[in-house]
C-alpha cells in the first residue's frame, strides 16, 4: 500500500509539472501573435537610406508594396515580374546615391509616378 501511495504521489507531481509547462507554453504562444500584430509601417516615411540599406526589410519587399500601390492608382492588376525586378534595381541604385530622399519621392522622380 505504501508503494501505491508513493507511485500516486510521483504521478501527481509529474502531472502538476506537465500542467504547469503546458499552461506556460499556451500563454507564451498566445502572446507572440499579439506582439507581432502591433508592428505598423508608414511607407510614405521610408527614406532611400532605409530602403537601400535593408534597414526595414529587403528592398524587394518594399518594391512589391510600391508596385501594388502605384498599380492600384492606375487600376492596373497585372504585374510584370521582370520589369518589377529591373525597377527595383534602378530604385536601389538611385537610393544609394540619394539616401536622404523619401523612397516614394524617388519613385515619382525616376518613374514619373504620382
N, C-alpha and C. Protein backbone atom coordinates (compact mmCIF):
# COMPACT_ATOMS: atom_id res chain seq x y z
N UNK A 1 0.82 -1.19 0.00
CA UNK A 1 0.00 0.00 0.00
C UNK A 1 0.87 1.26 0.00
N UNK A 2 2.01 1.20 0.69
CA UNK A 2 2.92 2.35 0.73
C UNK A 2 3.49 2.60 -0.65
N UNK A 3 3.81 1.53 -1.38
CA UNK A 3 4.34 1.68 -2.75
C UNK A 3 3.30 2.34 -3.65
N UNK A 4 2.04 1.99 -3.47
CA UNK A 4 0.97 2.58 -4.27
C UNK A 4 0.83 4.06 -3.96
N UNK A 5 0.93 4.44 -2.68
CA UNK A 5 0.85 5.84 -2.28
C UNK A 5 2.02 6.63 -2.86
N UNK A 6 3.21 6.03 -2.86
CA UNK A 6 4.39 6.71 -3.41
C UNK A 6 4.25 6.88 -4.92
N UNK A 7 3.73 5.86 -5.60
CA UNK A 7 3.52 5.94 -7.05
C UNK A 7 2.50 7.03 -7.36
N UNK A 8 1.43 7.10 -6.60
CA UNK A 8 0.41 8.13 -6.82
C UNK A 8 0.99 9.51 -6.60
N UNK A 9 1.81 9.66 -5.57
CA UNK A 9 2.42 10.96 -5.29
C UNK A 9 3.36 11.36 -6.42
N UNK A 10 4.12 10.39 -6.95
CA UNK A 10 5.04 10.67 -8.05
C UNK A 10 4.26 11.06 -9.31
N UNK A 11 3.17 10.34 -9.62
CA UNK A 11 2.34 10.66 -10.78
C UNK A 11 1.72 12.05 -10.64
N UNK A 12 1.28 12.37 -9.42
CA UNK A 12 0.68 13.68 -9.19
C UNK A 12 1.70 14.80 -9.41
N UNK A 13 2.93 14.56 -8.97
CA UNK A 13 3.99 15.54 -9.13
C UNK A 13 4.30 15.75 -10.62
N UNK A 14 4.36 14.66 -11.36
CA UNK A 14 4.62 14.75 -12.80
C UNK A 14 3.47 15.49 -13.49
N UNK A 15 2.25 15.17 -13.13
CA UNK A 15 1.09 15.83 -13.74
C UNK A 15 1.08 17.32 -13.44
N UNK A 16 1.43 17.69 -12.21
CA UNK A 16 1.47 19.10 -11.82
C UNK A 16 2.49 19.85 -12.67
N UNK A 17 3.66 19.25 -12.85
CA UNK A 17 4.70 19.88 -13.68
C UNK A 17 4.24 19.97 -15.13
N UNK A 18 3.61 18.93 -15.63
CA UNK A 18 3.16 18.91 -17.02
C UNK A 18 2.09 19.98 -17.25
N UNK A 19 1.15 20.09 -16.33
CA UNK A 19 0.10 21.09 -16.45
C UNK A 19 0.71 22.50 -16.41
N UNK A 20 1.67 22.69 -15.53
CA UNK A 20 2.35 23.98 -15.44
C UNK A 20 3.09 24.32 -16.73
N UNK A 21 3.78 23.33 -17.28
CA UNK A 21 4.51 23.54 -18.53
C UNK A 21 3.56 23.86 -19.68
N UNK A 22 2.52 23.09 -19.82
CA UNK A 22 1.54 23.30 -20.89
C UNK A 22 0.88 24.67 -20.75
N UNK A 23 0.55 25.06 -19.54
CA UNK A 23 -0.05 26.37 -19.31
C UNK A 23 0.90 27.49 -19.72
N UNK A 24 2.17 27.35 -19.35
CA UNK A 24 3.17 28.36 -19.71
C UNK A 24 3.35 28.42 -21.22
N UNK A 25 3.35 27.26 -21.86
CA UNK A 25 3.51 27.20 -23.30
C UNK A 25 2.34 27.87 -24.02
N UNK A 26 1.14 27.60 -23.58
CA UNK A 26 -0.05 28.21 -24.18
C UNK A 26 -0.01 29.73 -24.00
N UNK A 27 0.38 30.17 -22.82
CA UNK A 27 0.48 31.61 -22.56
C UNK A 27 1.52 32.25 -23.47
N UNK A 28 2.68 31.61 -23.59
CA UNK A 28 3.76 32.16 -24.41
C UNK A 28 3.37 32.22 -25.88
N UNK A 29 2.77 31.17 -26.38
CA UNK A 29 2.36 31.15 -27.78
C UNK A 29 1.22 32.12 -28.05
N UNK A 30 0.38 32.33 -27.09
CA UNK A 30 -0.72 33.28 -27.25
C UNK A 30 -0.23 34.71 -27.28
N UNK A 31 0.89 35.00 -26.63
CA UNK A 31 1.41 36.36 -26.57
C UNK A 31 2.16 36.74 -27.85
N UNK A 32 2.72 35.78 -28.55
CA UNK A 32 3.54 36.08 -29.72
C UNK A 32 2.74 36.77 -30.83
N UNK A 33 1.60 36.25 -31.28
CA UNK A 33 0.88 36.93 -32.34
C UNK A 33 0.45 38.35 -31.96
N UNK A 34 0.11 38.57 -30.73
CA UNK A 34 -0.31 39.91 -30.30
C UNK A 34 0.84 40.89 -30.43
N UNK A 35 2.05 40.46 -30.10
CA UNK A 35 3.21 41.33 -30.20
C UNK A 35 3.53 41.63 -31.67
N UNK A 36 3.42 40.65 -32.54
CA UNK A 36 3.72 40.85 -33.95
C UNK A 36 2.66 41.71 -34.63
N UNK A 37 1.45 41.63 -34.20
CA UNK A 37 0.36 42.36 -34.85
C UNK A 37 0.46 43.87 -34.61
N UNK A 38 1.27 44.29 -33.67
CA UNK A 38 1.36 45.70 -33.35
C UNK A 38 2.35 46.47 -34.21
N UNK A 39 3.05 45.82 -35.12
CA UNK A 39 4.04 46.47 -35.97
C UNK A 39 3.32 47.15 -37.13
N UNK A 40 3.51 48.45 -37.23
CA UNK A 40 2.90 49.24 -38.30
C UNK A 40 4.02 49.99 -39.00
N UNK A 41 3.86 50.21 -40.29
CA UNK A 41 4.88 50.88 -41.07
C UNK A 41 4.21 51.90 -41.99
N UNK A 42 4.64 53.14 -41.89
CA UNK A 42 4.14 54.19 -42.78
C UNK A 42 5.13 54.28 -43.95
N UNK A 43 4.76 53.70 -45.07
CA UNK A 43 5.66 53.61 -46.22
C UNK A 43 6.03 55.00 -46.74
N UNK A 44 5.17 55.97 -46.58
CA UNK A 44 5.46 57.32 -47.07
C UNK A 44 6.62 57.97 -46.32
N UNK A 45 7.04 57.39 -45.22
CA UNK A 45 8.15 57.95 -44.43
C UNK A 45 9.45 57.17 -44.57
N UNK A 46 9.45 56.13 -45.41
CA UNK A 46 10.68 55.35 -45.62
C UNK A 46 11.64 56.16 -46.47
N UNK A 47 12.87 56.31 -45.99
CA UNK A 47 13.89 57.03 -46.75
C UNK A 47 14.63 56.07 -47.68
N UNK A 48 15.32 56.65 -48.63
CA UNK A 48 16.13 55.83 -49.53
C UNK A 48 17.21 55.09 -48.75
N UNK A 49 17.74 55.72 -47.73
CA UNK A 49 18.75 55.06 -46.89
C UNK A 49 18.18 53.80 -46.25
N UNK A 50 16.97 53.89 -45.74
CA UNK A 50 16.32 52.72 -45.13
C UNK A 50 16.01 51.66 -46.19
N UNK A 51 15.59 52.10 -47.38
CA UNK A 51 15.25 51.19 -48.46
C UNK A 51 16.48 50.43 -48.95
N UNK A 52 17.50 51.18 -49.37
CA UNK A 52 18.69 50.56 -49.96
C UNK A 52 19.58 49.88 -48.91
N UNK A 53 19.45 50.30 -47.67
CA UNK A 53 20.29 49.75 -46.61
C UNK A 53 19.68 48.57 -45.88
N UNK A 54 18.55 48.05 -46.38
CA UNK A 54 17.88 46.89 -45.76
C UNK A 54 17.56 47.15 -44.29
N UNK A 55 17.26 48.38 -43.93
CA UNK A 55 17.05 48.73 -42.52
C UNK A 55 15.65 48.40 -42.02
N UNK A 56 14.70 48.21 -42.91
CA UNK A 56 13.33 47.87 -42.51
C UNK A 56 13.01 46.45 -42.95
N UNK A 57 13.25 46.18 -44.20
CA UNK A 57 13.08 44.85 -44.81
C UNK A 57 13.88 44.87 -46.10
N UNK A 58 13.76 43.86 -46.89
CA UNK A 58 14.50 43.86 -48.15
C UNK A 58 13.91 44.88 -49.12
N UNK A 59 14.74 45.45 -49.98
CA UNK A 59 14.21 46.37 -50.99
C UNK A 59 13.13 45.71 -51.85
N UNK A 60 13.27 44.42 -52.11
CA UNK A 60 12.28 43.69 -52.92
C UNK A 60 10.90 43.75 -52.26
N UNK A 61 10.83 43.54 -50.95
CA UNK A 61 9.54 43.59 -50.25
C UNK A 61 8.89 44.96 -50.36
N UNK A 62 9.68 46.00 -50.18
CA UNK A 62 9.14 47.36 -50.27
C UNK A 62 8.73 47.66 -51.71
N UNK A 63 9.54 47.22 -52.66
CA UNK A 63 9.23 47.46 -54.08
C UNK A 63 7.93 46.77 -54.49
N UNK A 64 7.68 45.59 -53.95
CA UNK A 64 6.43 44.90 -54.25
C UNK A 64 5.25 45.72 -53.75
N UNK A 65 5.36 46.25 -52.54
CA UNK A 65 4.28 47.09 -52.00
C UNK A 65 4.10 48.34 -52.86
N UNK A 66 5.23 49.00 -53.19
CA UNK A 66 5.16 50.21 -54.01
C UNK A 66 4.53 49.91 -55.37
N UNK A 67 4.91 48.80 -55.96
CA UNK A 67 4.34 48.42 -57.25
C UNK A 67 2.82 48.25 -57.13
N UNK A 68 2.38 47.59 -56.09
CA UNK A 68 0.95 47.41 -55.87
C UNK A 68 0.24 48.74 -55.65
N UNK A 69 0.87 49.61 -54.89
CA UNK A 69 0.27 50.92 -54.60
C UNK A 69 0.07 51.72 -55.89
N UNK A 70 1.14 51.86 -56.67
CA UNK A 70 1.04 52.66 -57.89
C UNK A 70 0.21 51.97 -58.96
N UNK A 71 0.26 50.65 -59.04
CA UNK A 71 -0.59 49.93 -59.99
C UNK A 71 -2.06 50.11 -59.63
N UNK A 72 -2.37 50.10 -58.34
CA UNK A 72 -3.74 50.32 -57.89
C UNK A 72 -4.25 51.70 -58.26
N UNK A 73 -3.38 52.69 -58.18
CA UNK A 73 -3.78 54.05 -58.56
C UNK A 73 -4.11 54.13 -60.05
N UNK A 74 -3.48 53.26 -60.84
CA UNK A 74 -3.73 53.23 -62.29
C UNK A 74 -4.76 52.16 -62.67
N UNK A 75 -5.33 51.49 -61.69
CA UNK A 75 -6.27 50.38 -61.91
C UNK A 75 -5.64 49.26 -62.75
N UNK A 76 -4.37 49.04 -62.56
CA UNK A 76 -3.63 48.01 -63.28
C UNK A 76 -3.49 46.79 -62.37
N UNK A 77 -3.99 45.66 -62.79
CA UNK A 77 -3.94 44.45 -61.97
C UNK A 77 -2.89 43.45 -62.44
N UNK A 78 -2.05 43.85 -63.40
CA UNK A 78 -1.04 42.95 -63.96
C UNK A 78 0.33 43.32 -63.41
N UNK A 79 1.10 42.29 -63.02
CA UNK A 79 2.47 42.50 -62.53
C UNK A 79 3.44 41.90 -63.54
N UNK A 80 4.32 42.73 -64.07
CA UNK A 80 5.39 42.26 -64.94
C UNK A 80 6.59 42.01 -64.02
N UNK A 81 6.83 40.74 -63.70
CA UNK A 81 7.85 40.40 -62.71
C UNK A 81 9.25 40.81 -63.15
N UNK A 82 9.54 40.70 -64.44
CA UNK A 82 10.86 41.09 -64.93
C UNK A 82 11.05 42.60 -64.78
N UNK A 83 10.03 43.35 -65.17
CA UNK A 83 10.10 44.80 -65.05
C UNK A 83 10.18 45.22 -63.57
N UNK A 84 9.45 44.53 -62.71
CA UNK A 84 9.50 44.83 -61.28
C UNK A 84 10.92 44.65 -60.75
N UNK A 85 11.58 43.58 -61.14
CA UNK A 85 12.96 43.35 -60.72
C UNK A 85 13.90 44.42 -61.23
N UNK A 86 13.74 44.80 -62.49
CA UNK A 86 14.58 45.86 -63.07
C UNK A 86 14.33 47.19 -62.37
N UNK A 87 13.07 47.51 -62.15
CA UNK A 87 12.72 48.77 -61.48
C UNK A 87 13.24 48.80 -60.05
N UNK A 88 13.23 47.66 -59.38
CA UNK A 88 13.75 47.59 -58.01
C UNK A 88 15.23 47.91 -58.00
N UNK A 89 15.98 47.35 -58.94
CA UNK A 89 17.42 47.62 -59.02
C UNK A 89 17.69 49.08 -59.37
N UNK A 90 16.89 49.64 -60.27
CA UNK A 90 17.04 51.05 -60.64
C UNK A 90 16.78 51.94 -59.43
N UNK A 91 15.71 51.64 -58.69
CA UNK A 91 15.38 52.41 -57.49
C UNK A 91 16.46 52.26 -56.43
N UNK A 92 16.98 51.07 -56.28
CA UNK A 92 18.03 50.83 -55.28
C UNK A 92 19.29 51.63 -55.62
N UNK A 93 19.69 51.66 -56.90
CA UNK A 93 20.87 52.44 -57.31
C UNK A 93 20.64 53.94 -57.05
N UNK A 94 19.46 54.42 -57.39
CA UNK A 94 19.12 55.83 -57.16
C UNK A 94 19.18 56.15 -55.67
N UNK A 95 18.64 55.26 -54.87
CA UNK A 95 18.58 55.50 -53.44
C UNK A 95 19.97 55.47 -52.78
N UNK A 96 20.87 54.66 -53.30
CA UNK A 96 22.23 54.65 -52.77
C UNK A 96 22.89 56.01 -52.99
N UNK A 97 22.58 56.65 -54.12
CA UNK A 97 23.15 57.96 -54.44
C UNK A 97 22.40 59.12 -53.76
N UNK A 98 21.16 58.85 -53.31
CA UNK A 98 20.32 59.90 -52.70
C UNK A 98 19.68 59.38 -51.42
N UNK A 99 20.46 59.07 -50.41
CA UNK A 99 19.93 58.41 -49.21
C UNK A 99 18.93 59.23 -48.40
N UNK A 100 18.95 60.54 -48.51
CA UNK A 100 18.08 61.38 -47.69
C UNK A 100 16.67 61.52 -48.25
N UNK A 101 16.46 61.14 -49.51
CA UNK A 101 15.16 61.31 -50.17
C UNK A 101 14.18 60.23 -49.70
N UNK A 102 12.93 60.59 -49.59
CA UNK A 102 11.89 59.60 -49.29
C UNK A 102 11.73 58.68 -50.49
N UNK A 103 11.59 57.39 -50.23
CA UNK A 103 11.56 56.42 -51.32
C UNK A 103 10.37 56.65 -52.25
N UNK A 104 9.24 57.08 -51.74
CA UNK A 104 8.09 57.36 -52.62
C UNK A 104 8.38 58.56 -53.52
N UNK A 105 9.12 59.54 -53.03
CA UNK A 105 9.52 60.67 -53.87
C UNK A 105 10.51 60.20 -54.93
N UNK A 106 11.38 59.27 -54.57
CA UNK A 106 12.33 58.71 -55.53
C UNK A 106 11.59 57.99 -56.66
N UNK A 107 10.57 57.23 -56.31
CA UNK A 107 9.77 56.52 -57.32
C UNK A 107 9.13 57.53 -58.26
N UNK A 108 8.59 58.60 -57.72
CA UNK A 108 7.94 59.61 -58.54
C UNK A 108 8.94 60.30 -59.46
N UNK A 109 10.16 60.54 -58.96
CA UNK A 109 11.21 61.17 -59.77
C UNK A 109 11.69 60.25 -60.88
N UNK A 110 11.96 59.01 -60.56
CA UNK A 110 12.53 58.07 -61.53
C UNK A 110 11.50 57.62 -62.56
N UNK A 111 10.35 57.22 -62.08
CA UNK A 111 9.36 56.58 -62.96
C UNK A 111 8.19 57.49 -63.33
N UNK A 112 8.16 58.70 -62.82
CA UNK A 112 7.08 59.63 -63.16
C UNK A 112 5.75 59.26 -62.54
N UNK A 113 5.75 58.47 -61.47
CA UNK A 113 4.51 58.07 -60.80
C UNK A 113 4.01 59.22 -59.94
N UNK A 114 2.72 59.32 -59.82
CA UNK A 114 2.09 60.31 -58.93
C UNK A 114 0.95 59.67 -58.20
